[in-house]
PDB file of N, CA and C in Angstrom:
ATOM      1  N   MET A   1     148.750 155.231  62.380  1.00  0.00           N
ATOM      2  CA  MET A   1     147.393 154.874  62.006  1.00  0.00           C
ATOM      3  C   MET A   1     146.655 156.151  61.603  1.00  0.00           C
ATOM      4  N   GLN A   2     145.879 156.039  60.534  1.00  0.00           N
ATOM      5  CA  GLN A   2     145.087 157.164  60.052  1.00  0.00           C
ATOM      6  C   GLN A   2     143.623 156.764  59.996  1.00  0.00           C
ATOM      7  N   LYS A   3     142.769 157.719  60.188  1.00  0.00           N
ATOM      8  CA  LYS A   3     141.341 157.539  59.917  1.00  0.00           C
ATOM      9  C   LYS A   3     140.991 158.488  58.798  1.00  0.00           C
ATOM     10  N   LEU A   4     140.298 157.971  57.780  1.00  0.00           N
ATOM     11  CA  LEU A   4     139.829 158.871  56.753  1.00  0.00           C
ATOM     12  C   LEU A   4     138.473 158.450  56.239  1.00  0.00           C
ATOM     13  N   LEU A   5     137.754 159.410  55.777  1.00  0.00           N
ATOM     14  CA  LEU A   5     136.440 159.147  55.197  1.00  0.00           C
ATOM     15  C   LEU A   5     136.600 158.810  53.733  1.00  0.00           C
ATOM     16  N   ALA A   6     135.738 157.922  53.275  1.00  0.00           N
ATOM     17  CA  ALA A   6     135.757 157.549  51.864  1.00  0.00           C
ATOM     18  C   ALA A   6     134.318 157.386  51.403  1.00  0.00           C
ATOM     19  N   ILE A   7     134.150 157.411  50.105  1.00  0.00           N
ATOM     20  CA  ILE A   7     132.829 157.173  49.521  1.00  0.00           C
ATOM     21  C   ILE A   7     132.960 155.976  48.587  1.00  0.00           C
ATOM     22  N   TYR A   8     131.934 155.126  48.599  1.00  0.00           N
ATOM     23  CA  TYR A   8     131.931 153.957  47.726  1.00  0.00           C
ATOM     24  C   TYR A   8     131.156 154.316  46.473  1.00  0.00           C
ATOM     25  N   GLU A   9     131.817 154.294  45.330  1.00  0.00           N
ATOM     26  CA  GLU A   9     131.154 154.605  44.071  1.00  0.00           C
ATOM     27  C   GLU A   9     131.804 153.832  42.936  1.00  0.00           C
ATOM     28  N   ASN A  10     130.975 153.342  42.046  1.00  0.00           N
ATOM     29  CA  ASN A  10     131.448 152.581  40.885  1.00  0.00           C
ATOM     30  C   ASN A  10     132.357 151.420  41.271  1.00  0.00           C
ATOM     31  N   GLY A  11     132.053 150.769  42.407  1.00  0.00           N
ATOM     32  CA  GLY A  11     132.805 149.596  42.821  1.00  0.00           C
ATOM     33  C   GLY A  11     134.128 149.882  43.515  1.00  0.00           C
ATOM     34  N   LEU A  12     134.418 151.157  43.785  1.00  0.00           N
ATOM     35  CA  LEU A  12     135.685 151.510  44.427  1.00  0.00           C
ATOM     36  C   LEU A  12     135.447 152.407  45.632  1.00  0.00           C
ATOM     37  N   LEU A  13     136.338 152.286  46.623  1.00  0.00           N
ATOM     38  CA  LEU A  13     136.335 153.230  47.742  1.00  0.00           C
ATOM     39  C   LEU A  13     137.238 154.396  47.366  1.00  0.00           C
ATOM     40  N   ARG A  14     136.689 155.600  47.402  1.00  0.00           N
ATOM     41  CA  ARG A  14     137.464 156.791  47.052  1.00  0.00           C
ATOM     42  C   ARG A  14     137.612 157.651  48.301  1.00  0.00           C
ATOM     43  N   PRO A  15     138.869 157.860  48.762  1.00  0.00           N
ATOM     44  CA  PRO A  15     139.082 158.701  49.943  1.00  0.00           C
ATOM     45  C   PRO A  15     138.591 160.127  49.690  1.00  0.00           C
ATOM     46  N   LEU A  16     138.016 160.734  50.717  1.00  0.00           N
ATOM     47  CA  LEU A  16     137.542 162.114  50.588  1.00  0.00           C
ATOM     48  C   LEU A  16     138.631 163.125  50.922  1.00  0.00           C
ATOM     49  N   ASN A  17     139.755 162.637  51.446  1.00  0.00           N
ATOM     50  CA  ASN A  17     140.906 163.505  51.659  1.00  0.00           C
ATOM     51  C   ASN A  17     142.168 162.706  51.329  1.00  0.00           C
ATOM     52  N   ASN A  18     143.287 163.376  51.205  1.00  0.00           N
ATOM     53  CA  ASN A  18     144.542 162.741  50.803  1.00  0.00           C
ATOM     54  C   ASN A  18     145.118 161.931  51.966  1.00  0.00           C
ATOM     55  N   PRO A  19     145.335 160.622  51.772  1.00  0.00           N
ATOM     56  CA  PRO A  19     145.892 159.811  52.852  1.00  0.00           C
ATOM     57  C   PRO A  19     147.410 159.953  53.007  1.00  0.00           C
ATOM     58  N   ASN A  20     148.052 160.721  52.135  1.00  0.00           N
ATOM     59  CA  ASN A  20     149.513 160.936  52.191  1.00  0.00           C
ATOM     60  C   ASN A  20     150.279 159.619  52.232  1.00  0.00           C
ATOM     61  N   LEU A  21     150.008 158.752  51.276  1.00  0.00           N
ATOM     62  CA  LEU A  21     150.691 157.470  51.154  1.00  0.00           C
ATOM     63  C   LEU A  21     151.392 157.404  49.803  1.00  0.00           C
ATOM     64  N   PRO A  22     152.532 156.732  49.754  1.00  0.00           N
ATOM     65  CA  PRO A  22     153.162 156.520  48.449  1.00  0.00           C
ATOM     66  C   PRO A  22     152.285 155.639  47.575  1.00  0.00           C
ATOM     67  N   GLU A  23     152.377 155.817  46.264  1.00  0.00           N
ATOM     68  CA  GLU A  23     151.626 154.987  45.326  1.00  0.00           C
ATOM     69  C   GLU A  23     151.913 153.514  45.585  1.00  0.00           C
ATOM     70  N   ASN A  24     150.905 152.669  45.384  1.00  0.00           N
ATOM     71  CA  ASN A  24     150.988 151.212  45.510  1.00  0.00           C
ATOM     72  C   ASN A  24     151.221 150.718  46.936  1.00  0.00           C
ATOM     73  N   THR A  25     150.974 151.574  47.921  1.00  0.00           N
ATOM     74  CA  THR A  25     151.083 151.140  49.311  1.00  0.00           C
ATOM     75  C   THR A  25     149.902 150.248  49.647  1.00  0.00           C
ATOM     76  N   LYS A  26     150.176 149.082  50.235  1.00  0.00           N
ATOM     77  CA  LYS A  26     149.098 148.206  50.692  1.00  0.00           C
ATOM     78  C   LYS A  26     148.659 148.675  52.073  1.00  0.00           C
ATOM     79  N   VAL A  27     147.334 148.676  52.287  1.00  0.00           N
ATOM     80  CA  VAL A  27     146.782 149.118  53.568  1.00  0.00           C
ATOM     81  C   VAL A  27     145.742 148.113  54.043  1.00  0.00           C
ATOM     82  N   ASN A  28     145.484 148.102  55.328  1.00  0.00           N
ATOM     83  CA  ASN A  28     144.374 147.346  55.910  1.00  0.00           C
ATOM     84  C   ASN A  28     143.219 148.310  56.096  1.00  0.00           C
ATOM     85  N   ILE A  29     142.015 147.867  55.735  1.00  0.00           N
ATOM     86  CA  ILE A  29     140.846 148.739  55.814  1.00  0.00           C
ATOM     87  C   ILE A  29     139.799 148.100  56.717  1.00  0.00           C
ATOM     88  N   VAL A  30     139.286 148.873  57.650  1.00  0.00           N
ATOM     89  CA  VAL A  30     138.149 148.476  58.479  1.00  0.00           C
ATOM     90  C   VAL A  30     137.002 149.383  58.072  1.00  0.00           C
ATOM     91  N   ILE A  31     135.870 148.786  57.709  1.00  0.00           N
ATOM     92  CA  ILE A  31     134.754 149.588  57.204  1.00  0.00           C
ATOM     93  C   ILE A  31     133.682 149.721  58.275  1.00  0.00           C
ATOM     94  N   GLU A  32     133.325 150.962  58.584  1.00  0.00           N
ATOM     95  CA  GLU A  32     132.182 151.285  59.431  1.00  0.00           C
ATOM     96  C   GLU A  32     131.226 152.074  58.563  1.00  0.00           C
ATOM     97  N   SER A  33     130.037 151.533  58.377  1.00  0.00           N
ATOM     98  CA  SER A  33     129.081 152.187  57.491  1.00  0.00           C
ATOM     99  C   SER A  33     127.944 152.788  58.301  1.00  0.00           C
ATOM    100  N   ASN A  34     127.413 153.884  57.805  1.00  0.00           N
ATOM    101  CA  ASN A  34     126.253 154.512  58.436  1.00  0.00           C
ATOM    102  C   ASN A  34     124.950 153.986  57.853  1.00  0.00           C
ATOM    103  N   VAL A  35     125.052 153.061  56.920  1.00  0.00           N
ATOM    104  CA  VAL A  35     123.869 152.517  56.257  1.00  0.00           C
ATOM    105  C   VAL A  35     123.270 151.410  57.117  1.00  0.00           C
ATOM    106  N   THR A  36     121.973 151.474  57.343  1.00  0.00           N
ATOM    107  CA  THR A  36     121.284 150.384  58.032  1.00  0.00           C
ATOM    108  C   THR A  36     120.485 149.606  57.006  1.00  0.00           C
ATOM    109  N   LEU A  37     120.745 148.330  56.960  1.00  0.00           N
ATOM    110  CA  LEU A  37     120.036 147.479  56.023  1.00  0.00           C
ATOM    111  C   LEU A  37     118.675 147.111  56.593  1.00  0.00           C
ATOM    112  N   PRO A  38     117.684 146.957  55.748  1.00  0.00           N
ATOM    113  CA  PRO A  38     116.366 146.584  56.254  1.00  0.00           C
ATOM    114  C   PRO A  38     116.387 145.180  56.859  1.00  0.00           C
ATOM    115  N   HIS A  39     115.556 144.988  57.859  1.00  0.00           N
ATOM    116  CA  HIS A  39     115.434 143.675  58.489  1.00  0.00           C
ATOM    117  C   HIS A  39     114.956 142.672  57.453  1.00  0.00           C
ATOM    118  N   SER A  40     115.443 141.437  57.539  1.00  0.00           N
ATOM    119  CA  SER A  40     115.119 140.436  56.525  1.00  0.00           C
ATOM    120  C   SER A  40     113.625 140.121  56.462  1.00  0.00           C
ATOM    121  N   LEU A  41     112.886 140.388  57.530  1.00  0.00           N
ATOM    122  CA  LEU A  41     111.450 140.122  57.524  1.00  0.00           C
ATOM    123  C   LEU A  41     110.617 141.338  57.124  1.00  0.00           C
ATOM    124  N   SER A  42     111.266 142.479  56.881  1.00  0.00           N
ATOM    125  CA  SER A  42     110.505 143.693  56.581  1.00  0.00           C
ATOM    126  C   SER A  42     109.697 143.574  55.291  1.00  0.00           C
ATOM    127  N   GLN A  43     110.102 142.669  54.407  1.00  0.00           N
ATOM    128  CA  GLN A  43     109.345 142.490  53.165  1.00  0.00           C
ATOM    129  C   GLN A  43     107.936 141.970  53.430  1.00  0.00           C
ATOM    130  N   PHE A  44     107.712 141.401  54.617  1.00  0.00           N
ATOM    131  CA  PHE A  44     106.408 140.848  54.945  1.00  0.00           C
ATOM    132  C   PHE A  44     105.528 141.824  55.729  1.00  0.00           C
ATOM    133  N   ALA A  45     106.062 142.961  56.079  1.00  0.00           N
ATOM    134  CA  ALA A  45     105.303 143.938  56.860  1.00  0.00           C
ATOM    135  C   ALA A  45     104.104 144.431  56.063  1.00  0.00           C
ATOM    136  N   GLY A  46     102.947 144.435  56.697  1.00  0.00           N
ATOM    137  CA  GLY A  46     101.749 144.979  56.090  1.00  0.00           C
ATOM    138  C   GLY A  46     100.981 144.026  55.198  1.00  0.00           C
ATOM    139  N   ILE A  47     101.429 142.769  55.073  1.00  0.00           N
ATOM    140  CA  ILE A  47     100.690 141.863  54.192  1.00  0.00           C
ATOM    141  C   ILE A  47      99.565 141.146  54.924  1.00  0.00           C
ATOM    142  N   LEU A  48      99.578 141.180  56.246  1.00  0.00           N
ATOM    143  CA  LEU A  48      98.493 140.594  57.036  1.00  0.00           C
ATOM    144  C   LEU A  48      97.620 141.706  57.588  1.00  0.00           C
ATOM    145  N   SER A  49      96.346 141.439  57.642  1.00  0.00           N
ATOM    146  CA  SER A  49      95.468 142.401  58.306  1.00  0.00           C
ATOM    147  C   SER A  49      95.704 142.287  59.814  1.00  0.00           C
ATOM    148  N   ASP A  50      95.222 143.266  60.556  1.00  0.00           N
ATOM    149  CA  ASP A  50      95.347 143.210  62.012  1.00  0.00           C
ATOM    150  C   ASP A  50      94.651 141.973  62.561  1.00  0.00           C
ATOM    151  N   GLN A  51      93.512 141.634  61.972  1.00  0.00           N
ATOM    152  CA  GLN A  51      92.760 140.465  62.431  1.00  0.00           C
ATOM    153  C   GLN A  51      93.558 139.180  62.181  1.00  0.00           C
ATOM    154  N   GLU A  52      94.147 139.051  60.992  1.00  0.00           N
ATOM    155  CA  GLU A  52      94.942 137.862  60.679  1.00  0.00           C
ATOM    156  C   GLU A  52      96.147 137.747  61.614  1.00  0.00           C
ATOM    157  N   ALA A  53      96.809 138.861  61.865  1.00  0.00           N
ATOM    158  CA  ALA A  53      97.965 138.856  62.761  1.00  0.00           C
ATOM    159  C   ALA A  53      97.552 138.451  64.168  1.00  0.00           C
ATOM    160  N   GLU A  54      96.394 138.936  64.620  1.00  0.00           N
ATOM    161  CA  GLU A  54      95.890 138.581  65.952  1.00  0.00           C
ATOM    162  C   GLU A  54      95.556 137.095  66.027  1.00  0.00           C
ATOM    163  N   GLU A  55      94.960 136.552  64.975  1.00  0.00           N
ATOM    164  CA  GLU A  55      94.647 135.121  64.945  1.00  0.00           C
ATOM    165  C   GLU A  55      95.912 134.277  65.026  1.00  0.00           C
ATOM    166  N   ILE A  56      96.933 134.659  64.283  1.00  0.00           N
ATOM    167  CA  ILE A  56      98.203 133.925  64.308  1.00  0.00           C
ATOM    168  C   ILE A  56      98.836 134.018  65.695  1.00  0.00           C
ATOM    169  N   GLU A  57      98.797 135.191  66.284  1.00  0.00           N
ATOM    170  CA  GLU A  57      99.354 135.365  67.618  1.00  0.00           C
ATOM    171  C   GLU A  57      98.618 134.488  68.628  1.00  0.00           C
ATOM    172  N   ASN A  58      97.286 134.413  68.525  1.00  0.00           N
ATOM    173  CA  ASN A  58      96.507 133.566  69.437  1.00  0.00           C
ATOM    174  C   ASN A  58      96.873 132.096  69.270  1.00  0.00           C
ATOM    175  N   ILE A  59      97.031 131.650  68.031  1.00  0.00           N
ATOM    176  CA  ILE A  59      97.410 130.257  67.778  1.00  0.00           C
ATOM    177  C   ILE A  59      98.784 129.962  68.380  1.00  0.00           C
ATOM    178  N   ILE A  60      99.710 130.861  68.188  1.00  0.00           N
ATOM    179  CA  ILE A  60     101.054 130.667  68.751  1.00  0.00           C
ATOM    180  C   ILE A  60     100.976 130.577  70.272  1.00  0.00           C
ATOM    181  N   ASN A  61     100.226 131.476  70.888  1.00  0.00           N
ATOM    182  CA  ASN A  61     100.102 131.463  72.350  1.00  0.00           C
ATOM    183  C   ASN A  61      99.454 130.175  72.844  1.00  0.00           C
ATOM    184  N   GLN A  62      98.421 129.705  72.147  1.00  0.00           N
ATOM    185  CA  GLN A  62      97.753 128.457  72.542  1.00  0.00           C
ATOM    186  C   GLN A  62      98.718 127.278  72.427  1.00  0.00           C
ATOM    187  N   GLU A  63      99.421 127.188  71.325  1.00  0.00           N
ATOM    188  CA  GLU A  63     100.350 126.079  71.112  1.00  0.00           C
ATOM    189  C   GLU A  63     101.502 126.128  72.115  1.00  0.00           C
ATOM    190  N   PHE A  64     101.970 127.311  72.422  1.00  0.00           N
ATOM    191  CA  PHE A  64     103.070 127.451  73.371  1.00  0.00           C
ATOM    192  C   PHE A  64     102.653 126.939  74.741  1.00  0.00           C
ATOM    193  N   ASN A  65     101.401 127.184  75.107  1.00  0.00           N
ATOM    194  CA  ASN A  65     100.923 126.755  76.423  1.00  0.00           C
ATOM    195  C   ASN A  65     100.799 125.242  76.550  1.00  0.00           C
ATOM    196  N   ILE A  66     100.749 124.501  75.429  1.00  0.00           N
ATOM    197  CA  ILE A  66     100.617 123.058  75.531  1.00  0.00           C
ATOM    198  C   ILE A  66     101.957 122.347  75.314  1.00  0.00           C
ATOM    199  N   VAL A  67     103.051 123.101  75.168  1.00  0.00           N
ATOM    200  CA  VAL A  67     104.360 122.477  75.016  1.00  0.00           C
ATOM    201  C   VAL A  67     104.775 121.883  76.346  1.00  0.00           C
ATOM    202  N   ASN A  68     105.259 120.639  76.299  1.00  0.00           N
ATOM    203  CA  ASN A  68     105.742 119.968  77.494  1.00  0.00           C
ATOM    204  C   ASN A  68     107.235 120.276  77.619  1.00  0.00           C
ATOM    205  N   ASN A  69     107.587 121.049  78.628  1.00  0.00           N
ATOM    206  CA  ASN A  69     108.996 121.442  78.804  1.00  0.00           C
ATOM    207  C   ASN A  69     109.893 120.252  79.049  1.00  0.00           C
ATOM    208  N   ASP A  70     109.336 119.153  79.562  1.00  0.00           N
ATOM    209  CA  ASP A  70     110.153 117.967  79.816  1.00  0.00           C
ATOM    210  C   ASP A  70     110.558 117.263  78.519  1.00  0.00           C
ATOM    211  N   GLU A  71     109.886 117.579  77.412  1.00  0.00           N
ATOM    212  CA  GLU A  71     110.235 116.970  76.134  1.00  0.00           C
ATOM    213  C   GLU A  71     111.440 117.657  75.489  1.00  0.00           C
ATOM    214  N   TRP A  72     111.824 118.790  75.981  1.00  0.00           N
ATOM    215  CA  TRP A  72     112.947 119.530  75.393  1.00  0.00           C
ATOM    216  C   TRP A  72     114.193 119.035  76.020  1.00  0.00           C
TER     217      TRP A  72
END
């Protein structure tokens, strides 16, 4: 088993060092990336004022308090 670093460019993974494999050797690849993708809700960050966010939070808290747990 070998570990090697590679870079993804132009649709291909290019090893950063020689893997010492014969041409046309099939390999299994496990990818660990250092890239963190943005949270799916991050596009909505900053579109509400603090007051609007507080109002929504209050409504959620009020509604949550009237939920009947026996209905679940």
